[in-house]
Amino acid sequence: MTELKLYNTLTRKKEVFKPIKKEEAGMYSCGPTVYWFQHIGNMRAYLFADALKRVLEYNGYKVKHVINVTDVGHLTSDADEGEDKMEKAAVKEGKSAEEIAGFYFKVFREDLKKLNIKEPSVWCRATEHIKEQIELIKKLEEKGFTYKTSDGIYFNSTKFKDYGKLARLKIGGLESGKRVAFGEKKHRTDFALWKFSSPGEKRQQEWKSPWGVGFPGWHVECSAMSMKYLGENFDIHTGGEDHISVHHTNEIAQSESATGKKFVDYWMHVAFLLNKGEKVSKSKGGFFTVSELQEKGYNPLDFRYLCLLTHYRKPLNFSLDNLDAAKNAHRKMIRKIVELKSEKHKGQDDTEKYEELFENAINDDLNLSEAIGVVWGMLDDFNFDPKKKLKLLERFDQVLGLGIKEMKEEKVEASKEILELVKEREKLRKAKMWADADIFRERILEKGFIVSDTDDGPRLEKI
């Protein structure tokens, strides 16, 4: 098998993956802030992390995967300003912060299941790891990296020599922009480790600490929890590319300042999902959720298939037209695999040939679009023995996650009216009256069905 190469944001190049422990991989993924539904832009990040984990497992690694659940401390601004998103949602919906977190976390896990995303080895909630966060802040305080303001305990970014190395920030340029107010912070790039509850304010979520009653900052949560479950130095940290300049930069600064060790060996980031060239985000009104796509007639795995077609480091331009194209290709793949399951002719064993092509693709920084191309090549290869082909496809699906083993012909129930339209269209086709036949195809489409032509006659599929 070819060596697994991964693109490391820290070095800006592909590197051969060399784990800290032989045949094991420790992996942390930034998880959801559970104050609202996760849209498909969010879900692309978890599909990427899932693909990475599956590729590691395909290569024989035992993966310990940790995902955090932010249920406190994520303010509406990355600049340590604004309201806590959890507290704000609780007030808006007239529920407790705990109820809000529980509900949206449950929906999130249901969405993961629909997309065939494997659950992590460990889910860790911020509210259940307050002790670890306080201990980390105490270490930073003892080493002289913190200072106190009227609203909290802050990390002094100038005390960490390599601050901004992940994002390659020009700190001097940032510091010169002092027209932007940053309150009592000493430097613009400093960030909150612990925020005090405001005088007279009674928060739903607040804890006693050596510095006063309050709650942890968003960044410190990930450092404390990842190091608890994976150690002070671990293999891989994933997240969206929007985390590079602030969240992950701050994680590195506080973690390496506290331990004196390299925090993470491989930083991997997925590019944005775009809509009409703009990033899909909740702040812009959100976008489709997985459930909303289902309501429009899509299988969640149609979206998974769409994501497989674009490399994780490239922006994915989303539109319903693009999703329709992916859906049609996905349905075509299902039909071919269903047909393959009933094929009985003998053929040659091309397992080794396609195995090499597939492994070269996935081990080249998760080139899953190329891997999908290998699958289509196999499906169209009549000379490849059907049984051996199917067995290999099921093995490849350990990475793709499309549910090849479970694929079967869907029974389509259509009304008498639809069946009559199909029958009339077929008569027109046999008479080579193509334009009239297309009119009937459109009428069938308006009724919610796609009709396609096969060697065995017309095939109906519900949209």
Protein backbone atom coordinates (compact mmCIF):
# COMPACT_ATOMS: atom_id res chain seq x y z
CA MET A 1 0.00 0.00 0.00
CA THR A 2 1.22 3.51 -0.82
CA GLU A 3 2.17 5.83 2.04
CA LEU A 4 -0.60 8.03 3.39
CA LYS A 5 0.11 11.70 2.73
CA LEU A 6 -1.86 14.49 4.41
CA TYR A 7 -1.76 18.24 3.85
CA ASN A 8 -0.60 19.95 7.03
CA THR A 9 -1.86 23.52 7.41
CA LEU A 10 1.02 24.21 9.80
CA THR A 11 3.72 23.53 7.18
CA ARG A 12 1.58 24.28 4.09
CA LYS A 13 2.60 21.03 2.41
CA LYS A 14 1.69 17.36 2.06
CA GLU A 15 3.52 15.14 4.53
CA VAL A 16 3.76 11.39 5.01
CA PHE A 17 1.63 10.53 8.04
CA LYS A 18 3.84 9.32 10.89
CA PRO A 19 1.80 8.61 14.03
CA ILE A 20 3.10 9.16 17.55
CA LYS A 21 2.14 5.58 18.49
CA LYS A 22 2.63 2.77 16.01
CA GLU A 23 -0.61 1.77 14.24
CA GLU A 24 -2.65 4.24 16.32
CA ALA A 25 -3.96 7.70 15.52
CA GLY A 26 -5.30 10.31 17.93
CA MET A 27 -7.68 12.73 16.26
CA TYR A 28 -9.64 15.72 17.58
CA SER A 29 -12.37 17.52 15.65
CA CYS A 30 -13.92 20.82 16.64
CA GLY A 31 -17.56 20.01 17.32
CA PRO A 32 -20.86 21.88 17.28
CA THR A 33 -22.01 24.79 19.40
CA VAL A 34 -25.40 23.34 20.25
CA TYR A 35 -27.59 26.45 20.28
CA TRP A 36 -29.30 25.87 16.91
CA PHE A 37 -29.57 23.39 14.03
CA GLN A 38 -26.40 22.53 12.12
CA HIS A 39 -26.70 23.39 8.42
CA ILE A 40 -25.10 21.52 5.53
CA GLY A 41 -22.11 23.89 5.58
CA ASN A 42 -21.35 22.64 9.09
CA MET A 43 -21.98 19.06 8.02
CA ARG A 44 -19.32 19.24 5.30
CA ALA A 45 -16.71 19.57 8.07
CA TYR A 46 -17.95 16.40 9.78
CA LEU A 47 -18.11 14.51 6.47
CA PHE A 48 -14.47 15.49 5.93
CA ALA A 49 -13.44 14.32 9.41
CA ASP A 50 -15.37 11.09 8.83
CA ALA A 51 -13.58 10.48 5.52
CA LEU A 52 -10.21 11.11 7.18
CA LYS A 53 -11.00 8.66 9.96
CA ARG A 54 -12.19 6.05 7.45
CA VAL A 55 -8.99 6.43 5.38
CA LEU A 56 -6.86 6.03 8.52
CA GLU A 57 -8.81 2.90 9.45
CA TYR A 58 -8.50 1.56 5.89
CA ASN A 59 -4.73 1.96 6.30
CA GLY A 60 -4.85 -0.19 9.42
CA TYR A 61 -4.75 2.48 12.13
CA LYS A 62 -6.77 2.21 15.30
CA VAL A 63 -8.31 5.68 15.56
CA LYS A 64 -9.25 7.39 18.80
CA HIS A 65 -11.51 10.21 17.67
CA VAL A 66 -12.67 12.95 20.02
CA ILE A 67 -15.32 15.59 19.22
CA ASN A 68 -16.23 18.34 21.65
CA VAL A 69 -19.70 19.74 22.27
CA THR A 70 -19.64 23.45 23.03
CA ASP A 71 -22.54 24.02 25.41
CA VAL A 72 -21.13 27.13 27.11
CA GLY A 73 -18.64 29.92 26.50
CA HIS A 74 -18.98 30.53 22.75
CA LEU A 75 -19.72 34.24 22.50
CA THR A 76 -21.43 35.84 19.52
CA SER A 77 -18.09 37.45 18.60
CA ASP A 78 -14.68 35.80 18.34
CA ALA A 79 -13.30 39.01 19.85
CA ASP A 80 -14.55 37.99 23.34
CA GLU A 81 -17.53 40.27 23.03
CA GLY A 82 -21.29 39.78 22.90
CA GLU A 83 -23.57 37.28 24.56
CA ASP A 84 -22.96 33.61 25.19
CA LYS A 85 -24.73 31.82 22.32
CA MET A 86 -26.18 29.20 24.68
CA GLU A 87 -27.59 31.75 27.14
CA LYS A 88 -28.98 33.84 24.30
CA ALA A 89 -30.75 30.81 22.74
CA ALA A 90 -32.18 29.80 26.12
CA VAL A 91 -33.77 33.23 26.59
CA LYS A 92 -35.07 33.28 23.02
CA GLU A 93 -36.75 29.85 23.31
CA GLY A 94 -37.81 30.18 26.94
CA LYS A 95 -35.92 27.05 27.97
CA SER A 96 -32.91 26.24 30.10
CA ALA A 97 -29.47 26.23 28.50
CA GLU A 98 -29.24 22.53 29.36
CA GLU A 99 -32.51 21.81 27.52
CA ILE A 100 -31.32 23.79 24.49
CA ALA A 101 -28.02 21.89 24.40
CA GLY A 102 -29.70 18.53 24.83
CA PHE A 103 -32.23 19.12 22.05
CA TYR A 104 -29.83 20.43 19.40
CA PHE A 105 -27.16 17.86 20.23
CA LYS A 106 -29.74 15.09 19.74
CA VAL A 107 -30.73 16.51 16.33
CA PHE A 108 -27.06 16.81 15.38
CA ARG A 109 -26.41 13.16 16.17
CA GLU A 110 -29.46 12.15 14.13
CA ASP A 111 -28.03 14.11 11.19
CA LEU A 112 -24.70 12.31 11.55
CA LYS A 113 -26.53 8.98 11.37
CA LYS A 114 -28.47 10.05 8.26
CA LEU A 115 -25.20 10.98 6.54
CA ASN A 116 -23.58 7.70 7.63
CA ILE A 117 -20.96 9.57 9.66
CA LYS A 118 -19.35 7.41 12.33
CA GLU A 119 -19.68 8.64 15.89
CA PRO A 120 -16.43 9.51 17.69
CA SER A 121 -14.77 7.42 20.37
CA VAL A 122 -15.44 10.25 22.82
CA TRP A 123 -18.03 13.03 22.97
CA CYS A 124 -16.89 15.66 25.47
CA ARG A 125 -19.13 18.47 26.68
CA ALA A 126 -17.53 21.72 27.82
CA THR A 127 -19.83 21.95 30.87
CA GLU A 128 -18.60 18.55 32.07
CA HIS A 129 -14.93 19.57 31.95
CA ILE A 130 -14.85 22.82 33.90
CA LYS A 131 -12.28 21.38 36.33
CA GLU A 132 -9.84 20.58 33.50
CA GLN A 133 -10.25 24.06 32.04
CA ILE A 134 -9.58 25.75 35.36
CA GLU A 135 -6.47 23.59 35.86
CA LEU A 136 -5.15 24.60 32.44
CA ILE A 137 -5.70 28.30 33.17
CA LYS A 138 -3.91 27.90 36.53
CA LYS A 139 -0.89 26.42 34.74
CA LEU A 140 -0.82 29.37 32.36
CA GLU A 141 -1.12 31.78 35.29
CA GLU A 142 1.77 30.12 37.15
CA LYS A 143 3.95 30.48 34.04
CA GLY A 144 3.14 34.16 33.64
CA PHE A 145 1.00 34.01 30.50
CA THR A 146 -2.16 35.60 31.93
CA TYR A 147 -3.45 38.91 33.23
CA LYS A 148 -6.69 40.08 34.77
CA THR A 149 -9.17 42.70 33.57
CA SER A 150 -12.54 43.76 34.94
CA ASP A 151 -14.32 41.18 32.78
CA GLY A 152 -12.01 38.17 32.91
CA ILE A 153 -8.64 36.42 32.77
CA TYR A 154 -6.81 36.88 29.48
CA PHE A 155 -3.95 35.16 27.68
CA ASN A 156 -1.09 37.50 26.82
CA SER A 157 -0.36 36.53 23.21
CA THR A 158 2.94 38.46 23.10
CA LYS A 159 4.40 36.10 25.72
CA PHE A 160 4.12 33.17 23.28
CA LYS A 161 6.98 33.46 20.82
CA ASP A 162 5.34 31.77 17.83
CA TYR A 163 1.84 33.21 18.19
CA GLY A 164 0.05 33.11 14.83
CA LYS A 165 2.34 30.49 13.23
CA LEU A 166 -0.59 28.36 12.04
CA ALA A 167 -2.27 31.24 10.21
CA ARG A 168 1.05 32.97 9.47
CA LEU A 169 -0.31 36.14 11.01
CA LYS A 170 1.70 39.36 10.79
CA ILE A 171 1.27 40.43 14.38
CA GLY A 172 2.91 43.81 13.81
CA GLY A 173 0.28 44.65 11.23
CA LEU A 174 -2.49 43.62 13.59
CA GLU A 175 -1.06 45.67 16.44
CA SER A 176 -0.82 48.76 14.27
CA GLY A 177 -4.57 48.73 13.74
CA LYS A 178 -5.25 50.35 17.11
CA ARG A 179 -8.14 52.35 15.80
CA VAL A 180 -10.15 49.18 16.49
CA ALA A 181 -11.11 49.23 20.16
CA PHE A 182 -10.35 46.13 22.17
CA GLY A 183 -11.34 47.22 25.66
CA GLU A 184 -8.97 46.40 28.48
CA LYS A 185 -7.04 43.82 26.50
CA LYS A 186 -3.35 44.68 26.32
CA HIS A 187 -3.02 43.48 22.75
CA ARG A 188 -5.52 42.93 19.99
CA THR A 189 -4.62 39.23 19.69
CA ASP A 190 -5.06 38.47 23.42
CA PHE A 191 -8.05 36.30 24.25
CA ALA A 192 -10.24 35.35 27.20
CA LEU A 193 -9.51 32.21 29.19
CA TRP A 194 -12.15 32.86 31.85
CA LYS A 195 -14.98 35.40 31.71
CA PHE A 196 -16.54 36.83 34.86
CA SER A 197 -20.29 36.94 35.24
CA SER A 198 -21.36 40.57 35.02
CA PRO A 199 -22.25 42.29 38.31
CA GLY A 200 -25.90 41.73 39.11
CA GLU A 201 -26.20 39.12 36.34
CA LYS A 202 -27.39 35.63 37.17
CA ARG A 203 -26.32 33.31 34.40
CA GLN A 204 -27.78 29.85 33.99
CA GLN A 205 -24.27 28.48 33.51
CA GLU A 206 -21.57 29.80 35.82
CA TRP A 207 -18.99 28.26 38.13
CA LYS A 208 -16.72 29.26 41.00
CA SER A 209 -13.05 29.63 40.13
CA PRO A 210 -9.87 30.99 41.78
CA TRP A 211 -10.53 34.26 39.93
CA GLY A 212 -14.26 34.66 40.57
CA VAL A 213 -17.61 33.33 39.42
CA GLY A 214 -17.88 32.98 35.67
CA PHE A 215 -17.44 30.62 32.73
CA PRO A 216 -14.62 29.43 30.46
CA GLY A 217 -13.61 31.01 27.17
CA TRP A 218 -14.36 29.07 24.01
CA HIS A 219 -10.73 28.42 23.03
CA VAL A 220 -9.63 26.94 26.36
CA GLU A 221 -12.35 24.29 26.19
CA CYS A 222 -10.83 22.53 23.17
CA SER A 223 -7.29 22.54 24.56
CA ALA A 224 -8.32 21.17 27.95
CA MET A 225 -10.55 18.43 26.56
CA SER A 226 -8.33 17.32 23.65
CA MET A 227 -5.31 16.98 25.94
CA LYS A 228 -7.33 15.08 28.56
CA TYR A 229 -8.34 12.37 26.09
CA LEU A 230 -5.45 12.39 23.60
CA GLY A 231 -2.44 13.64 25.57
CA GLU A 232 -0.42 16.85 25.51
CA ASN A 233 0.87 16.01 22.02
CA PHE A 234 -1.40 14.17 19.60
CA ASP A 235 -1.56 13.37 15.90
CA ILE A 236 -4.35 15.24 14.09
CA HIS A 237 -6.65 18.20 14.74
CA THR A 238 -9.42 19.00 12.21
CA GLY A 239 -11.85 21.85 11.70
CA GLY A 240 -13.15 24.39 9.23
CA GLU A 241 -10.75 26.81 7.55
CA ASP A 242 -12.43 29.65 9.45
CA HIS A 243 -10.84 28.27 12.64
CA ILE A 244 -7.27 28.77 11.44
CA SER A 245 -6.70 32.44 12.26
CA VAL A 246 -8.39 32.65 15.68
CA HIS A 247 -9.64 29.48 17.36
CA HIS A 248 -6.88 27.07 16.37
CA THR A 249 -4.20 29.76 16.62
CA ASN A 250 -5.29 30.36 20.21
CA GLU A 251 -5.48 26.65 20.99
CA ILE A 252 -1.84 26.26 19.95
CA ALA A 253 -0.71 29.29 21.95
CA GLN A 254 -2.33 28.29 25.25
CA SER A 255 -1.57 24.56 24.93
CA GLU A 256 2.11 24.89 24.05
CA SER A 257 2.59 27.64 26.64
CA ALA A 258 1.14 25.38 29.34
CA THR A 259 3.03 22.19 28.42
CA GLY A 260 6.18 23.38 26.69
CA LYS A 261 5.48 20.71 24.05
CA LYS A 262 4.29 20.67 20.46
CA PHE A 263 0.49 20.49 20.67
CA VAL A 264 -0.56 18.81 17.39
CA ASP A 265 1.50 17.24 14.60
CA TYR A 266 -0.98 17.56 11.71
CA TRP A 267 -3.52 20.37 11.37
CA MET A 268 -6.15 19.70 8.70
CA HIS A 269 -8.84 22.11 7.55
CA VAL A 270 -11.83 21.79 5.25
CA ALA A 271 -12.82 24.63 2.91
CA PHE A 272 -16.18 26.39 3.00
CA LEU A 273 -19.43 25.30 1.44
CA LEU A 274 -20.42 28.21 -0.80
CA ASN A 275 -23.76 29.41 -2.08
CA LYS A 276 -23.52 31.79 -5.04
CA GLY A 277 -19.89 32.36 -4.14
CA GLU A 278 -20.53 33.23 -0.49
CA LYS A 279 -19.80 31.16 2.60
CA VAL A 280 -22.84 29.37 4.01
CA SER A 281 -23.28 30.44 7.64
CA LYS A 282 -25.88 30.89 10.34
CA SER A 283 -25.06 34.60 10.59
CA LYS A 284 -26.32 35.07 7.02
CA GLY A 285 -29.62 33.40 7.77
CA GLY A 286 -28.37 29.86 7.70
CA PHE A 287 -28.92 27.34 4.95
CA PHE A 288 -30.54 23.97 4.41
CA THR A 289 -30.38 21.41 7.17
CA VAL A 290 -30.24 17.69 6.39
CA SER A 291 -33.93 17.38 7.30
CA GLU A 292 -34.85 20.20 4.92
CA LEU A 293 -33.03 18.44 2.08
CA GLN A 294 -35.03 15.32 2.87
CA GLU A 295 -38.25 17.33 2.68
CA LYS A 296 -37.19 18.37 -0.83
CA GLY A 297 -36.89 14.73 -1.88
CA TYR A 298 -33.17 14.13 -1.41
CA ASN A 299 -31.58 11.21 0.37
CA PRO A 300 -28.93 12.52 2.84
CA LEU A 301 -26.43 10.25 1.07
CA ASP A 302 -26.99 12.32 -2.10
CA PHE A 303 -25.34 15.18 -0.20
CA ARG A 304 -22.57 12.85 1.02
CA TYR A 305 -21.98 11.82 -2.61
CA LEU A 306 -21.86 15.50 -3.66
CA CYS A 307 -19.19 16.20 -1.03
CA LEU A 308 -17.10 13.27 -2.26
CA LEU A 309 -16.84 14.92 -5.68
CA THR A 310 -14.88 17.98 -4.47
CA HIS A 311 -11.55 17.81 -2.64
CA TYR A 312 -11.87 18.88 0.99
CA ARG A 313 -9.37 21.74 0.55
CA LYS A 314 -11.40 23.29 -2.28
CA PRO A 315 -14.55 25.35 -1.71
CA LEU A 316 -17.69 23.43 -2.64
CA ASN A 317 -20.18 25.49 -4.61
CA PHE A 318 -23.58 24.29 -3.53
CA SER A 319 -26.82 24.66 -5.47
CA LEU A 320 -29.87 22.48 -5.84
CA ASP A 321 -28.86 21.98 -9.49
CA ASN A 322 -25.49 20.59 -8.35
CA LEU A 323 -27.25 18.42 -5.79
CA ASP A 324 -29.66 17.17 -8.48
CA ALA A 325 -26.70 16.14 -10.64
CA ALA A 326 -25.11 14.34 -7.68
CA LYS A 327 -28.43 12.69 -6.86
CA ASN A 328 -28.80 11.39 -10.41
CA ALA A 329 -25.24 10.03 -10.42
CA HIS A 330 -25.75 8.47 -7.01
CA ARG A 331 -29.01 6.82 -8.15
CA LYS A 332 -27.28 5.56 -11.29
CA MET A 333 -24.55 4.05 -9.11
CA ILE A 334 -27.19 2.34 -6.96
CA ARG A 335 -28.86 0.86 -10.06
CA LYS A 336 -25.54 -0.44 -11.39
CA ILE A 337 -24.63 -2.00 -8.06
CA VAL A 338 -28.08 -3.59 -7.71
CA GLU A 339 -27.67 -5.04 -11.22
CA LEU A 340 -24.16 -6.20 -10.32
CA LYS A 341 -25.54 -8.17 -7.37
CA SER A 342 -27.60 -10.34 -9.74
CA GLU A 343 -24.96 -10.79 -12.46
CA LYS A 344 -23.71 -14.36 -12.84
CA HIS A 345 -21.22 -14.31 -15.74
CA LYS A 346 -17.60 -15.21 -15.07
CA GLY A 347 -14.78 -12.75 -15.53
CA GLN A 348 -11.17 -12.02 -14.68
CA ASP A 349 -9.83 -10.97 -11.30
CA ASP A 350 -8.82 -7.29 -11.56
CA THR A 351 -8.83 -6.76 -7.79
CA GLU A 352 -5.17 -5.83 -7.55
CA LYS A 353 -5.38 -3.32 -10.40
CA TYR A 354 -8.33 -1.37 -8.96
CA GLU A 355 -7.10 -1.71 -5.40
CA GLU A 356 -3.88 0.06 -6.33
CA LEU A 357 -5.72 2.85 -8.14
CA PHE A 358 -8.13 3.39 -5.24
CA GLU A 359 -5.43 3.36 -2.57
CA ASN A 360 -3.22 5.76 -4.55
CA ALA A 361 -6.17 8.17 -4.67
CA ILE A 362 -7.28 8.07 -1.04
CA ASN A 363 -3.70 8.15 0.29
CA ASP A 364 -2.91 11.25 -1.75
CA ASP A 365 -4.39 13.65 0.80
CA LEU A 366 -7.87 12.09 0.59
CA ASN A 367 -8.45 12.48 -3.14
CA LEU A 368 -11.94 11.01 -2.90
CA SER A 369 -13.17 12.42 -6.22
CA GLU A 370 -10.49 10.35 -7.94
CA ALA A 371 -11.50 7.36 -5.81
CA ILE A 372 -15.11 7.78 -7.03
CA GLY A 373 -13.73 7.76 -10.60
CA VAL A 374 -12.05 4.42 -9.85
CA VAL A 375 -15.40 3.04 -8.65
CA TRP A 376 -17.14 4.12 -11.87
CA GLY A 377 -14.35 2.51 -13.89
CA MET A 378 -14.96 -0.74 -12.04
CA LEU A 379 -18.71 -0.59 -12.55
CA ASP A 380 -18.23 -0.17 -16.30
CA ASP A 381 -15.64 -2.96 -16.54
CA PHE A 382 -17.64 -5.95 -17.88
CA ASN A 383 -14.55 -8.20 -17.85
CA PHE A 384 -14.06 -7.88 -14.06
CA ASP A 385 -15.65 -10.88 -12.33
CA PRO A 386 -18.94 -9.61 -10.73
CA LYS A 387 -18.50 -11.38 -7.38
CA LYS A 388 -14.93 -10.20 -6.92
CA LYS A 389 -15.91 -6.72 -8.10
CA LEU A 390 -18.74 -6.49 -5.57
CA LYS A 391 -16.51 -7.71 -2.75
CA LEU A 392 -13.93 -5.04 -3.58
CA LEU A 393 -16.59 -2.31 -3.88
CA GLU A 394 -17.85 -3.19 -0.41
CA ARG A 395 -14.30 -2.86 0.89
CA PHE A 396 -13.89 0.53 -0.81
CA ASP A 397 -17.15 1.59 0.81
CA GLN A 398 -15.40 1.41 4.18
CA VAL A 399 -13.96 4.76 3.02
CA LEU A 400 -16.80 6.14 0.88
CA GLY A 401 -19.60 5.38 3.34
CA LEU A 402 -22.33 5.14 0.69
CA GLY A 403 -23.84 1.92 2.05
CA ILE A 404 -23.00 -0.29 -0.96
CA LYS A 405 -23.73 -3.54 0.89
CA GLU A 406 -27.27 -2.34 1.72
CA MET A 407 -28.07 -0.98 -1.75
CA LYS A 408 -31.22 -2.51 -3.24
CA GLU A 409 -33.87 -1.72 -5.80
CA GLU A 410 -36.43 0.72 -4.43
CA LYS A 411 -40.04 -0.14 -5.12
CA VAL A 412 -41.77 2.83 -6.69
CA GLU A 413 -45.50 3.14 -6.21
CA ALA A 414 -47.06 5.25 -8.91
CA SER A 415 -50.69 6.11 -9.59
CA LYS A 416 -52.60 4.84 -12.61
CA GLU A 417 -52.34 8.32 -14.14
CA ILE A 418 -48.51 8.28 -13.96
CA LEU A 419 -48.30 4.79 -15.40
CA GLU A 420 -50.55 5.84 -18.31
CA LEU A 421 -48.23 8.79 -19.02
CA VAL A 422 -45.23 6.44 -19.05
CA LYS A 423 -47.07 4.08 -21.40
CA GLU A 424 -47.99 6.90 -23.82
CA ARG A 425 -44.44 8.24 -23.76
CA GLU A 426 -43.08 4.80 -24.61
CA LYS A 427 -45.42 4.58 -27.64
CA LEU A 428 -44.15 7.96 -28.86
CA ARG A 429 -40.53 6.86 -28.42
CA LYS A 430 -41.12 3.70 -30.44
CA ALA A 431 -42.66 5.88 -33.13
CA LYS A 432 -39.52 8.06 -32.93
CA MET A 433 -41.64 11.11 -32.06
CA TRP A 434 -38.91 12.41 -29.73
CA ALA A 435 -40.24 15.94 -29.18
CA ASP A 436 -43.68 14.65 -28.17
CA ALA A 437 -42.05 12.01 -25.95
CA ASP A 438 -40.08 14.78 -24.18
CA ILE A 439 -43.32 16.62 -23.42
CA PHE A 440 -44.59 13.52 -21.65
CA ARG A 441 -41.29 13.23 -19.76
CA GLU A 442 -41.83 16.78 -18.47
CA ARG A 443 -45.41 16.00 -17.45
CA ILE A 444 -44.17 12.95 -15.53
CA LEU A 445 -41.49 15.11 -13.91
CA GLU A 446 -44.11 17.65 -12.82
CA LYS A 447 -45.89 14.80 -11.03
CA GLY A 448 -42.74 14.09 -9.01
CA PHE A 449 -41.18 11.24 -10.98
CA ILE A 450 -38.13 10.80 -13.20
CA VAL A 451 -38.44 8.36 -16.10
CA SER A 452 -35.28 6.89 -17.58
CA ASP A 453 -34.83 4.46 -20.44
CA THR A 454 -33.10 1.11 -19.90
CA ASP A 455 -32.62 -2.08 -21.92
CA ASP A 456 -35.49 -3.54 -19.93
CA GLY A 457 -37.84 -0.67 -20.69
CA PRO A 458 -38.73 2.60 -18.91
CA ARG A 459 -37.73 2.94 -15.25
CA LEU A 460 -39.61 5.21 -12.83
CA GLU A 461 -37.97 6.91 -9.88
CA LYS A 462 -39.54 9.22 -7.33
CA ILE A 463 -37.84 12.59 -6.93
